[in-house]
Amino acid sequence: MAGAGSTPDGGALAERLVFSHANGFPAATYARMLAPLRRGFEVSHVDVFGHDPRYPVARGWHGLSRQLQDHLEVRRDGGAVWLVGHSLGGYLSLLAAAQPGAQVAGVVLLDSPLIGGMTGHLLRWSRRTGLDRHLLPLQQTLQRRARWPDVDAVRAHFAAKPAFARWDPRVLDDYAWSATVPDADGRRLLFDREVECSVYRTLPTRTVCRAARRISAPVAFIGGRNSREVRQIGLGATRTLVGARVAWLDGSHLFPMERPEAAAAAVGAAIDAMRAVAPRDARAA
């Protein structure tokens, strides 16, 4: 699955895979998908976007993308860096890859279709008129239950929701633990609902498409066959960016949670296919 460069002393240099999570789902939710990838890559991630005051949520997601960029800068050793992101995380990966001097070998988008054309115009108009609540899950986010007496209650609550009922049970268990933290009353959501709502309301309608045009590294898209998000947004702008590098898995927008091992295999296959065309300076040791 993975290739390697070499260190100055001749040792193997593992490829890095930097993963970015979807809005509302901390990176630990994806442990089952990332586990197989750790056998071939050095995997790292930002644990939770949007909760560090140094990187505020604002229009264009500049703070969030800077948080990912700073994570990438923590260690530059010349090895290949592959960016993989789900939904929000895919868009942030594109923004990071477009930065001057970014040494990115390639980007894998997990159900992150580019927003452009009429969809972008519609989102901008809905913000001006206050009708974005009909296009984005704002009310559902703000009204979501945030506290439970214990982890078993968290698990039972989400297991009863149709979207979560399709998840691999192991992933749901990981989510029950990782997406909540202890408090005086038991457990509360780690991802603040107001922050999650702010991320939706500041969804870029131009920034990501403009950034995508500046990326020299190859980009691949993996989507869920039953993804409502892909149906709503369309794939016109995405296909312009990725060309033939499109793959599909059974599942919804949340297919990484529904089929984690299949998602991991698809990510590995996408990276394998991109290696031959990745920028040489990003692959060199």
C-alpha atoms as a PDB file:
ATOM      1  CA  MET A   1       0.000   0.000   0.000  1.00  0.00           C
ATOM      2  CA  ALA A   2       2.733   2.459   0.917  1.00  0.00           C
ATOM      3  CA  GLY A   3       6.034   3.399  -0.574  1.00  0.00           C
ATOM      4  CA  ALA A   4       8.965   4.985   1.165  1.00  0.00           C
ATOM      5  CA  GLY A   5      11.866   7.302   0.628  1.00  0.00           C
ATOM      6  CA  SER A   6      15.059   7.172   2.665  1.00  0.00           C
ATOM      7  CA  THR A   7      16.615   9.005   5.580  1.00  0.00           C
ATOM      8  CA  PRO A   8      20.118  10.532   5.381  1.00  0.00           C
ATOM      9  CA  ASP A   9      21.552   7.398   6.994  1.00  0.00           C
ATOM     10  CA  GLY A  10      19.898   5.153   4.448  1.00  0.00           C
ATOM     11  CA  GLY A  11      16.952   4.049   6.564  1.00  0.00           C
ATOM     12  CA  ALA A  12      13.403   3.834   5.278  1.00  0.00           C
ATOM     13  CA  LEU A  13      11.313   6.987   5.464  1.00  0.00           C
ATOM     14  CA  ALA A  14       7.636   6.260   5.994  1.00  0.00           C
ATOM     15  CA  GLU A  15       5.077   8.155   4.002  1.00  0.00           C
ATOM     16  CA  ARG A  16       2.852  10.424   6.073  1.00  0.00           C
ATOM     17  CA  LEU A  17      -0.915  10.370   5.858  1.00  0.00           C
ATOM     18  CA  VAL A  18      -2.600  13.350   7.488  1.00  0.00           C
ATOM     19  CA  PHE A  19      -6.314  12.790   8.036  1.00  0.00           C
ATOM     20  CA  SER A  20      -8.929  15.497   8.639  1.00  0.00           C
ATOM     21  CA  HIS A  21     -12.353  14.721  10.096  1.00  0.00           C
ATOM     22  CA  ALA A  22     -15.882  15.785   9.139  1.00  0.00           C
ATOM     23  CA  ASN A  23     -17.804  18.487  10.982  1.00  0.00           C
ATOM     24  CA  GLY A  24     -19.035  17.203  14.324  1.00  0.00           C
ATOM     25  CA  PHE A  25     -17.041  13.964  14.309  1.00  0.00           C
ATOM     26  CA  PRO A  26     -13.690  14.061  16.171  1.00  0.00           C
ATOM     27  CA  ALA A  27     -10.804  12.247  14.509  1.00  0.00           C
ATOM     28  CA  ALA A  28     -10.958   9.370  17.013  1.00  0.00           C
ATOM     29  CA  THR A  29     -14.309   8.412  15.472  1.00  0.00           C
ATOM     30  CA  TYR A  30     -12.333   7.110  12.488  1.00  0.00           C
ATOM     31  CA  ALA A  31     -10.033   4.793  14.437  1.00  0.00           C
ATOM     32  CA  ARG A  32     -11.354   1.679  12.643  1.00  0.00           C
ATOM     33  CA  MET A  33     -10.728   3.200   9.208  1.00  0.00           C
ATOM     34  CA  LEU A  34      -7.297   4.534  10.110  1.00  0.00           C
ATOM     35  CA  ALA A  35      -6.043   1.322  11.747  1.00  0.00           C
ATOM     36  CA  PRO A  36      -5.339  -0.552   8.461  1.00  0.00           C
ATOM     37  CA  LEU A  37      -3.724   2.562   6.990  1.00  0.00           C
ATOM     38  CA  ARG A  38      -1.284   2.738   9.912  1.00  0.00           C
ATOM     39  CA  ARG A  39       0.305  -0.467   8.598  1.00  0.00           C
ATOM     40  CA  GLY A  40       1.617   1.423   5.568  1.00  0.00           C
ATOM     41  CA  PHE A  41       1.678   5.060   6.608  1.00  0.00           C
ATOM     42  CA  GLU A  42       2.625   7.255   9.506  1.00  0.00           C
ATOM     43  CA  VAL A  43      -0.866   8.559  10.295  1.00  0.00           C
ATOM     44  CA  SER A  44      -1.572  11.789  12.157  1.00  0.00           C
ATOM     45  CA  HIS A  45      -4.486  14.192  12.487  1.00  0.00           C
ATOM     46  CA  VAL A  46      -5.885  17.250  14.213  1.00  0.00           C
ATOM     47  CA  ASP A  47      -8.031  15.792  16.987  1.00  0.00           C
ATOM     48  CA  VAL A  48     -10.877  18.334  16.800  1.00  0.00           C
ATOM     49  CA  PHE A  49     -11.184  21.279  14.438  1.00  0.00           C
ATOM     50  CA  GLY A  50     -12.859  24.505  15.528  1.00  0.00           C
ATOM     51  CA  HIS A  51     -12.235  24.351  19.274  1.00  0.00           C
ATOM     52  CA  ASP A  52      -8.815  26.006  19.517  1.00  0.00           C
ATOM     53  CA  PRO A  53      -9.175  29.796  19.963  1.00  0.00           C
ATOM     54  CA  ARG A  54      -5.992  30.278  17.945  1.00  0.00           C
ATOM     55  CA  TYR A  55      -7.868  28.978  14.916  1.00  0.00           C
ATOM     56  CA  PRO A  56     -11.351  30.542  14.997  1.00  0.00           C
ATOM     57  CA  VAL A  57     -14.239  29.465  12.795  1.00  0.00           C
ATOM     58  CA  ALA A  58     -14.919  32.258  10.295  1.00  0.00           C
ATOM     59  CA  ARG A  59     -16.093  32.826   6.743  1.00  0.00           C
ATOM     60  CA  GLY A  60     -13.800  31.030   4.300  1.00  0.00           C
ATOM     61  CA  TRP A  61     -12.493  28.638   6.996  1.00  0.00           C
ATOM     62  CA  HIS A  62      -9.108  30.392   6.996  1.00  0.00           C
ATOM     63  CA  GLY A  63      -8.553  29.636  10.685  1.00  0.00           C
ATOM     64  CA  LEU A  64      -9.442  25.963  10.282  1.00  0.00           C
ATOM     65  CA  SER A  65      -7.203  25.552   7.247  1.00  0.00           C
ATOM     66  CA  ARG A  66      -4.367  27.294   9.119  1.00  0.00           C
ATOM     67  CA  GLN A  67      -4.803  24.773  11.941  1.00  0.00           C
ATOM     68  CA  LEU A  68      -4.218  21.958   9.439  1.00  0.00           C
ATOM     69  CA  GLN A  69      -1.288  23.800   7.852  1.00  0.00           C
ATOM     70  CA  ASP A  70       0.374  24.267  11.247  1.00  0.00           C
ATOM     71  CA  HIS A  71      -0.136  20.551  11.958  1.00  0.00           C
ATOM     72  CA  LEU A  72       1.633  19.752   8.680  1.00  0.00           C
ATOM     73  CA  GLU A  73       4.515  22.053   9.581  1.00  0.00           C
ATOM     74  CA  VAL A  74       5.192  20.333  12.899  1.00  0.00           C
ATOM     75  CA  ARG A  75       7.462  17.905  11.104  1.00  0.00           C
ATOM     76  CA  ARG A  76       8.867  18.241   7.614  1.00  0.00           C
ATOM     77  CA  ASP A  77      11.376  15.507   6.902  1.00  0.00           C
ATOM     78  CA  GLY A  78      11.160  15.288   3.121  1.00  0.00           C
ATOM     79  CA  GLY A  79       8.896  12.256   3.030  1.00  0.00           C
ATOM     80  CA  ALA A  80       5.728  12.163   0.968  1.00  0.00           C
ATOM     81  CA  VAL A  81       2.647  13.646   2.636  1.00  0.00           C
ATOM     82  CA  TRP A  82      -0.804  12.512   1.572  1.00  0.00           C
ATOM     83  CA  LEU A  83      -3.831  14.469   2.748  1.00  0.00           C
ATOM     84  CA  VAL A  84      -7.066  12.551   3.300  1.00  0.00           C
ATOM     85  CA  GLY A  85     -10.226  14.271   4.454  1.00  0.00           C
ATOM     86  CA  HIS A  86     -13.887  13.450   5.006  1.00  0.00           C
ATOM     87  CA  SER A  87     -16.464  16.142   4.173  1.00  0.00           C
ATOM     88  CA  LEU A  88     -15.168  19.265   6.010  1.00  0.00           C
ATOM     89  CA  GLY A  89     -11.782  17.539   6.210  1.00  0.00           C
ATOM     90  CA  GLY A  90     -11.598  17.118   2.447  1.00  0.00           C
ATOM     91  CA  TYR A  91     -12.163  20.817   1.852  1.00  0.00           C
ATOM     92  CA  LEU A  92      -9.553  21.735   4.472  1.00  0.00           C
ATOM     93  CA  SER A  93      -7.110  19.334   2.795  1.00  0.00           C
ATOM     94  CA  LEU A  94      -7.573  21.139  -0.523  1.00  0.00           C
ATOM     95  CA  LEU A  95      -7.043  24.529   1.121  1.00  0.00           C
ATOM     96  CA  ALA A  96      -3.844  23.285   2.763  1.00  0.00           C
ATOM     97  CA  ALA A  97      -2.550  21.664  -0.433  1.00  0.00           C
ATOM     98  CA  ALA A  98      -3.021  24.947  -2.313  1.00  0.00           C
ATOM     99  CA  GLN A  99      -0.728  26.924  -0.001  1.00  0.00           C
ATOM    100  CA  PRO A 100       2.578  28.136  -1.480  1.00  0.00           C
ATOM    101  CA  GLY A 101       5.353  25.695  -0.680  1.00  0.00           C
ATOM    102  CA  ALA A 102       2.998  22.892   0.379  1.00  0.00           C
ATOM    103  CA  GLN A 103       4.839  19.622  -0.225  1.00  0.00           C
ATOM    104  CA  VAL A 104       1.792  17.446  -0.715  1.00  0.00           C
ATOM    105  CA  ALA A 105       1.991  14.302  -2.822  1.00  0.00           C
ATOM    106  CA  GLY A 106      -1.770  14.051  -3.302  1.00  0.00           C
ATOM    107  CA  VAL A 107      -5.218  14.554  -1.784  1.00  0.00           C
ATOM    108  CA  VAL A 108      -8.031  12.051  -1.254  1.00  0.00           C
ATOM    109  CA  LEU A 109     -11.512  13.514  -0.804  1.00  0.00           C
ATOM    110  CA  LEU A 110     -14.002  11.330   1.065  1.00  0.00           C
ATOM    111  CA  ASP A 111     -17.453  12.531   0.005  1.00  0.00           C
ATOM    112  CA  SER A 112     -16.302  16.160  -0.256  1.00  0.00           C
ATOM    113  CA  PRO A 113     -17.813  17.323  -3.573  1.00  0.00           C
ATOM    114  CA  LEU A 114     -16.674  20.770  -4.686  1.00  0.00           C
ATOM    115  CA  ILE A 115     -19.312  23.445  -4.315  1.00  0.00           C
ATOM    116  CA  GLY A 116     -19.477  25.609  -7.429  1.00  0.00           C
ATOM    117  CA  GLY A 117     -21.781  26.982 -10.076  1.00  0.00           C
ATOM    118  CA  MET A 118     -25.461  27.297  -9.193  1.00  0.00           C
ATOM    119  CA  THR A 119     -25.023  25.471  -5.872  1.00  0.00           C
ATOM    120  CA  GLY A 120     -22.564  28.119  -4.723  1.00  0.00           C
ATOM    121  CA  HIS A 121     -24.859  30.932  -5.883  1.00  0.00           C
ATOM    122  CA  LEU A 122     -27.784  29.330  -4.033  1.00  0.00           C
ATOM    123  CA  LEU A 123     -25.815  29.048  -0.780  1.00  0.00           C
ATOM    124  CA  ARG A 124     -24.670  32.681  -0.973  1.00  0.00           C
ATOM    125  CA  TRP A 125     -28.234  33.847  -1.626  1.00  0.00           C
ATOM    126  CA  SER A 126     -29.598  31.737   1.229  1.00  0.00           C
ATOM    127  CA  ARG A 127     -27.145  33.350   3.656  1.00  0.00           C
ATOM    128  CA  ARG A 128     -28.179  36.835   2.621  1.00  0.00           C
ATOM    129  CA  THR A 129     -31.853  35.999   3.041  1.00  0.00           C
ATOM    130  CA  GLY A 130     -31.520  33.905   6.200  1.00  0.00           C
ATOM    131  CA  LEU A 131     -32.845  30.826   4.413  1.00  0.00           C
ATOM    132  CA  ASP A 132     -29.657  28.799   4.814  1.00  0.00           C
ATOM    133  CA  ARG A 133     -31.384  26.957   7.663  1.00  0.00           C
ATOM    134  CA  HIS A 134     -33.388  25.154   4.967  1.00  0.00           C
ATOM    135  CA  LEU A 135     -30.260  24.036   3.086  1.00  0.00           C
ATOM    136  CA  LEU A 136     -27.929  23.225   5.972  1.00  0.00           C
ATOM    137  CA  PRO A 137     -28.603  21.111   9.118  1.00  0.00           C
ATOM    138  CA  LEU A 138     -28.496  24.122  11.423  1.00  0.00           C
ATOM    139  CA  GLN A 139     -31.594  23.520  13.532  1.00  0.00           C
ATOM    140  CA  GLN A 140     -30.891  19.802  13.863  1.00  0.00           C
ATOM    141  CA  THR A 141     -27.395  20.620  15.081  1.00  0.00           C
ATOM    142  CA  LEU A 142     -28.485  23.178  17.666  1.00  0.00           C
ATOM    143  CA  GLN A 143     -31.280  20.952  18.972  1.00  0.00           C
ATOM    144  CA  ARG A 144     -29.174  17.805  19.224  1.00  0.00           C
ATOM    145  CA  ARG A 145     -29.027  16.246  22.667  1.00  0.00           C
ATOM    146  CA  ALA A 146     -25.706  17.049  24.328  1.00  0.00           C
ATOM    147  CA  ARG A 147     -25.693  15.219  27.696  1.00  0.00           C
ATOM    148  CA  TRP A 148     -26.181  11.650  28.933  1.00  0.00           C
ATOM    149  CA  PRO A 149     -25.688   9.832  32.239  1.00  0.00           C
ATOM    150  CA  ASP A 150     -23.071   7.405  30.860  1.00  0.00           C
ATOM    151  CA  VAL A 151     -21.487   5.963  27.724  1.00  0.00           C
ATOM    152  CA  ASP A 152     -24.117   3.225  27.436  1.00  0.00           C
ATOM    153  CA  ALA A 153     -26.797   5.903  27.224  1.00  0.00           C
ATOM    154  CA  VAL A 154     -24.788   7.728  24.544  1.00  0.00           C
ATOM    155  CA  ARG A 155     -24.484   4.544  22.499  1.00  0.00           C
ATOM    156  CA  ALA A 156     -28.166   3.678  22.862  1.00  0.00           C
ATOM    157  CA  HIS A 157     -29.240   7.209  21.915  1.00  0.00           C
ATOM    158  CA  PHE A 158     -27.313   7.308  18.660  1.00  0.00           C
ATOM    159  CA  ALA A 159     -27.959   3.666  17.750  1.00  0.00           C
ATOM    160  CA  ALA A 160     -31.659   4.555  17.586  1.00  0.00           C
ATOM    161  CA  LYS A 161     -31.014   7.265  14.970  1.00  0.00           C
ATOM    162  CA  PRO A 162     -31.407   6.038  11.346  1.00  0.00           C
ATOM    163  CA  ALA A 163     -28.132   7.600  10.158  1.00  0.00           C
ATOM    164  CA  PHE A 164     -26.142   6.049  13.008  1.00  0.00           C
ATOM    165  CA  ALA A 165     -27.935   2.703  12.866  1.00  0.00           C
ATOM    166  CA  ARG A 166     -26.061   1.992   9.615  1.00  0.00           C
ATOM    167  CA  TRP A 167     -22.680   2.430  11.277  1.00  0.00           C
ATOM    168  CA  ASP A 168     -20.342  -0.429  12.011  1.00  0.00           C
ATOM    169  CA  PRO A 169     -21.087  -1.185  15.707  1.00  0.00           C
ATOM    170  CA  ARG A 170     -17.401  -0.851  16.588  1.00  0.00           C
ATOM    171  CA  VAL A 171     -17.315   2.652  15.121  1.00  0.00           C
ATOM    172  CA  LEU A 172     -20.436   3.604  17.043  1.00  0.00           C
ATOM    173  CA  ASP A 173     -18.750   2.403  20.207  1.00  0.00           C
ATOM    174  CA  ASP A 174     -15.638   4.458  19.402  1.00  0.00           C
ATOM    175  CA  TYR A 175     -17.852   7.469  18.784  1.00  0.00           C
ATOM    176  CA  ALA A 176     -19.731   7.037  22.066  1.00  0.00           C
ATOM    177  CA  TRP A 177     -16.412   7.239  23.902  1.00  0.00           C
ATOM    178  CA  SER A 178     -14.450   9.710  21.767  1.00  0.00           C
ATOM    179  CA  ALA A 179     -17.212  12.188  20.882  1.00  0.00           C
ATOM    180  CA  THR A 180     -18.187  12.689  24.522  1.00  0.00           C
ATOM    181  CA  VAL A 181     -16.229  13.682  27.604  1.00  0.00           C
ATOM    182  CA  PRO A 182     -16.945  13.299  31.319  1.00  0.00           C
ATOM    183  CA  ASP A 183     -18.684  16.116  33.188  1.00  0.00           C
ATOM    184  CA  ALA A 184     -20.518  16.526  36.486  1.00  0.00           C
ATOM    185  CA  ASP A 185     -23.698  14.943  35.096  1.00  0.00           C
ATOM    186  CA  GLY A 186     -22.087  12.036  33.237  1.00  0.00           C
ATOM    187  CA  ARG A 187     -21.054  12.603  29.620  1.00  0.00           C
ATOM    188  CA  ARG A 188     -21.388  15.584  27.275  1.00  0.00           C
ATOM    189  CA  LEU A 189     -20.642  16.105  23.598  1.00  0.00           C
ATOM    190  CA  LEU A 190     -17.017  17.007  22.926  1.00  0.00           C
ATOM    191  CA  PHE A 191     -17.896  18.868  19.715  1.00  0.00           C
ATOM    192  CA  ASP A 192     -19.716  22.027  20.762  1.00  0.00           C
ATOM    193  CA  ARG A 193     -23.014  22.399  18.899  1.00  0.00           C
ATOM    194  CA  GLU A 194     -22.532  26.142  18.385  1.00  0.00           C
ATOM    195  CA  VAL A 195     -19.137  25.510  16.806  1.00  0.00           C
ATOM    196  CA  GLU A 196     -20.559  22.809  14.556  1.00  0.00           C
ATOM    197  CA  CYS A 197     -23.320  25.183  13.457  1.00  0.00           C
ATOM    198  CA  SER A 198     -20.773  27.957  12.795  1.00  0.00           C
ATOM    199  CA  VAL A 199     -18.768  25.624  10.580  1.00  0.00           C
ATOM    200  CA  TYR A 200     -21.868  24.953   8.487  1.00  0.00           C
ATOM    201  CA  ARG A 201     -22.788  28.632   8.274  1.00  0.00           C
ATOM    202  CA  THR A 202     -19.306  29.625   7.087  1.00  0.00           C
ATOM    203  CA  LEU A 203     -19.086  26.901   4.440  1.00  0.00           C
ATOM    204  CA  PRO A 204     -16.944  28.396   1.629  1.00  0.00           C
ATOM    205  CA  THR A 205     -18.742  28.856  -1.687  1.00  0.00           C
ATOM    206  CA  ARG A 206     -15.763  30.180  -3.685  1.00  0.00           C
ATOM    207  CA  THR A 207     -12.582  29.692  -1.644  1.00  0.00           C
ATOM    208  CA  VAL A 208     -12.208  25.928  -2.074  1.00  0.00           C
ATOM    209  CA  CYS A 209     -12.820  25.918  -5.845  1.00  0.00           C
ATOM    210  CA  ARG A 210     -10.293  28.724  -6.279  1.00  0.00           C
ATOM    211  CA  ALA A 211      -7.778  26.857  -4.137  1.00  0.00           C
ATOM    212  CA  ALA A 212      -8.336  23.646  -6.094  1.00  0.00           C
ATOM    213  CA  ARG A 213      -7.219  25.362  -9.305  1.00  0.00           C
ATOM    214  CA  ARG A 214      -3.840  26.133  -7.693  1.00  0.00           C
ATOM    215  CA  ILE A 215      -3.066  22.564  -6.619  1.00  0.00           C
ATOM    216  CA  SER A 216      -0.338  20.814  -8.633  1.00  0.00           C
ATOM    217  CA  ALA A 217      -0.703  17.496  -6.789  1.00  0.00           C
ATOM    218  CA  PRO A 218      -3.235  14.894  -7.993  1.00  0.00           C
ATOM    219  CA  VAL A 219      -6.601  14.696  -6.261  1.00  0.00           C
ATOM    220  CA  ALA A 220      -8.930  11.685  -6.001  1.00  0.00           C
ATOM    221  CA  PHE A 221     -12.562  11.483  -4.923  1.00  0.00           C
ATOM    222  CA  ILE A 222     -14.260   8.580  -3.131  1.00  0.00           C
ATOM    223  CA  GLY A 223     -17.999   8.916  -2.640  1.00  0.00           C
ATOM    224  CA  GLY A 224     -20.882   7.047  -1.075  1.00  0.00           C
ATOM    225  CA  ARG A 225     -23.300   5.673  -3.648  1.00  0.00           C
ATOM    226  CA  ASN A 226     -26.241   6.816  -1.516  1.00  0.00           C
ATOM    227  CA  SER A 227     -24.759  10.141  -0.460  1.00  0.00           C
ATOM    228  CA  ARG A 228     -27.448  12.816  -0.240  1.00  0.00           C
ATOM    229  CA  GLU A 229     -24.720  15.461  -0.159  1.00  0.00           C
ATOM    230  CA  VAL A 230     -23.322  14.346  -3.519  1.00  0.00           C
ATOM    231  CA  ARG A 231     -26.823  14.315  -5.012  1.00  0.00           C
ATOM    232  CA  GLN A 232     -27.505  17.832  -3.754  1.00  0.00           C
ATOM    233  CA  ILE A 233     -24.191  19.382  -4.795  1.00  0.00           C
ATOM    234  CA  GLY A 234     -23.396  17.384  -7.904  1.00  0.00           C
ATOM    235  CA  LEU A 235     -19.986  16.344  -9.187  1.00  0.00           C
ATOM    236  CA  GLY A 236     -19.424  18.761 -12.077  1.00  0.00           C
ATOM    237  CA  ALA A 237     -16.720  20.844 -10.407  1.00  0.00           C
ATOM    238  CA  THR A 238     -15.256  17.774  -8.703  1.00  0.00           C
ATOM    239  CA  ARG A 239     -14.833  15.853 -11.970  1.00  0.00           C
ATOM    240  CA  THR A 240     -13.068  18.863 -13.485  1.00  0.00           C
ATOM    241  CA  LEU A 241     -10.542  18.638 -10.652  1.00  0.00           C
ATOM    242  CA  VAL A 242     -10.058  14.871 -10.296  1.00  0.00           C
ATOM    243  CA  GLY A 243     -10.679  13.632 -13.829  1.00  0.00           C
ATOM    244  CA  ALA A 244     -11.036   9.851 -13.857  1.00  0.00           C
ATOM    245  CA  ARG A 245      -9.873   9.463 -10.235  1.00  0.00           C
ATOM    246  CA  VAL A 246     -13.372   8.779  -8.905  1.00  0.00           C
ATOM    247  CA  ALA A 247     -14.401   5.696  -6.910  1.00  0.00           C
ATOM    248  CA  TRP A 248     -17.632   4.707  -5.200  1.00  0.00           C
ATOM    249  CA  LEU A 249     -18.451   2.654  -2.125  1.00  0.00           C
ATOM    250  CA  ASP A 250     -21.815   1.407  -0.954  1.00  0.00           C
ATOM    251  CA  GLY A 251     -23.098   3.691   1.755  1.00  0.00           C
ATOM    252  CA  SER A 252     -24.139   7.233   2.596  1.00  0.00           C
ATOM    253  CA  HIS A 253     -22.162  10.428   3.157  1.00  0.00           C
ATOM    254  CA  LEU A 254     -20.912   8.687   6.309  1.00  0.00           C
ATOM    255  CA  PHE A 255     -19.556   5.608   4.539  1.00  0.00           C
ATOM    256  CA  PRO A 256     -16.214   5.787   6.446  1.00  0.00           C
ATOM    257  CA  MET A 257     -18.219   5.004   9.591  1.00  0.00           C
ATOM    258  CA  GLU A 258     -20.423   2.422   7.876  1.00  0.00           C
ATOM    259  CA  ARG A 259     -17.652   0.494   6.098  1.00  0.00           C
ATOM    260  CA  PRO A 260     -14.343   1.506   7.704  1.00  0.00           C
ATOM    261  CA  GLU A 261     -12.147  -1.267   6.286  1.00  0.00           C
ATOM    262  CA  ALA A 262     -13.550  -0.834   2.776  1.00  0.00           C
ATOM    263  CA  ALA A 263     -12.964   2.921   3.068  1.00  0.00           C
ATOM    264  CA  ALA A 264      -9.363   2.311   4.160  1.00  0.00           C
ATOM    265  CA  ALA A 265      -8.771  -0.031   1.209  1.00  0.00           C
ATOM    266  CA  ALA A 266     -10.227   2.549  -1.185  1.00  0.00           C
ATOM    267  CA  VAL A 267      -7.955   5.260   0.233  1.00  0.00           C
ATOM    268  CA  GLY A 268      -4.927   3.011  -0.175  1.00  0.00           C
ATOM    269  CA  ALA A 269      -5.890   2.181  -3.767  1.00  0.00           C
ATOM    270  CA  ALA A 270      -6.399   5.859  -4.599  1.00  0.00           C
ATOM    271  CA  ILE A 271      -2.957   6.740  -3.235  1.00  0.00           C
ATOM    272  CA  ASP A 272      -1.352   3.856  -5.118  1.00  0.00           C
ATOM    273  CA  ALA A 273      -2.897   5.146  -8.341  1.00  0.00           C
ATOM    274  CA  MET A 274      -1.694   8.709  -7.698  1.00  0.00           C
ATOM    275  CA  ARG A 275       1.925   7.881  -6.897  1.00  0.00           C
ATOM    276  CA  ALA A 276       3.029   7.847 -10.517  1.00  0.00           C
ATOM    277  CA  VAL A 277       1.770  11.385 -11.096  1.00  0.00           C
ATOM    278  CA  ALA A 278       2.513  12.955  -7.685  1.00  0.00           C
ATOM    279  CA  PRO A 279       4.870  15.973  -7.824  1.00  0.00           C
ATOM    280  CA  ARG A 280       8.468  14.749  -7.710  1.00  0.00           C
ATOM    281  CA  ASP A 281       9.503  17.227  -4.995  1.00  0.00           C
ATOM    282  CA  ALA A 282       6.694  15.963  -2.754  1.00  0.00           C
ATOM    283  CA  ARG A 283       7.776  12.344  -3.196  1.00  0.00           C
ATOM    284  CA  ALA A 284      11.489  12.857  -2.834  1.00  0.00           C
ATOM    285  CA  ALA A 285      13.273  12.167   0.393  1.00  0.00           C
END
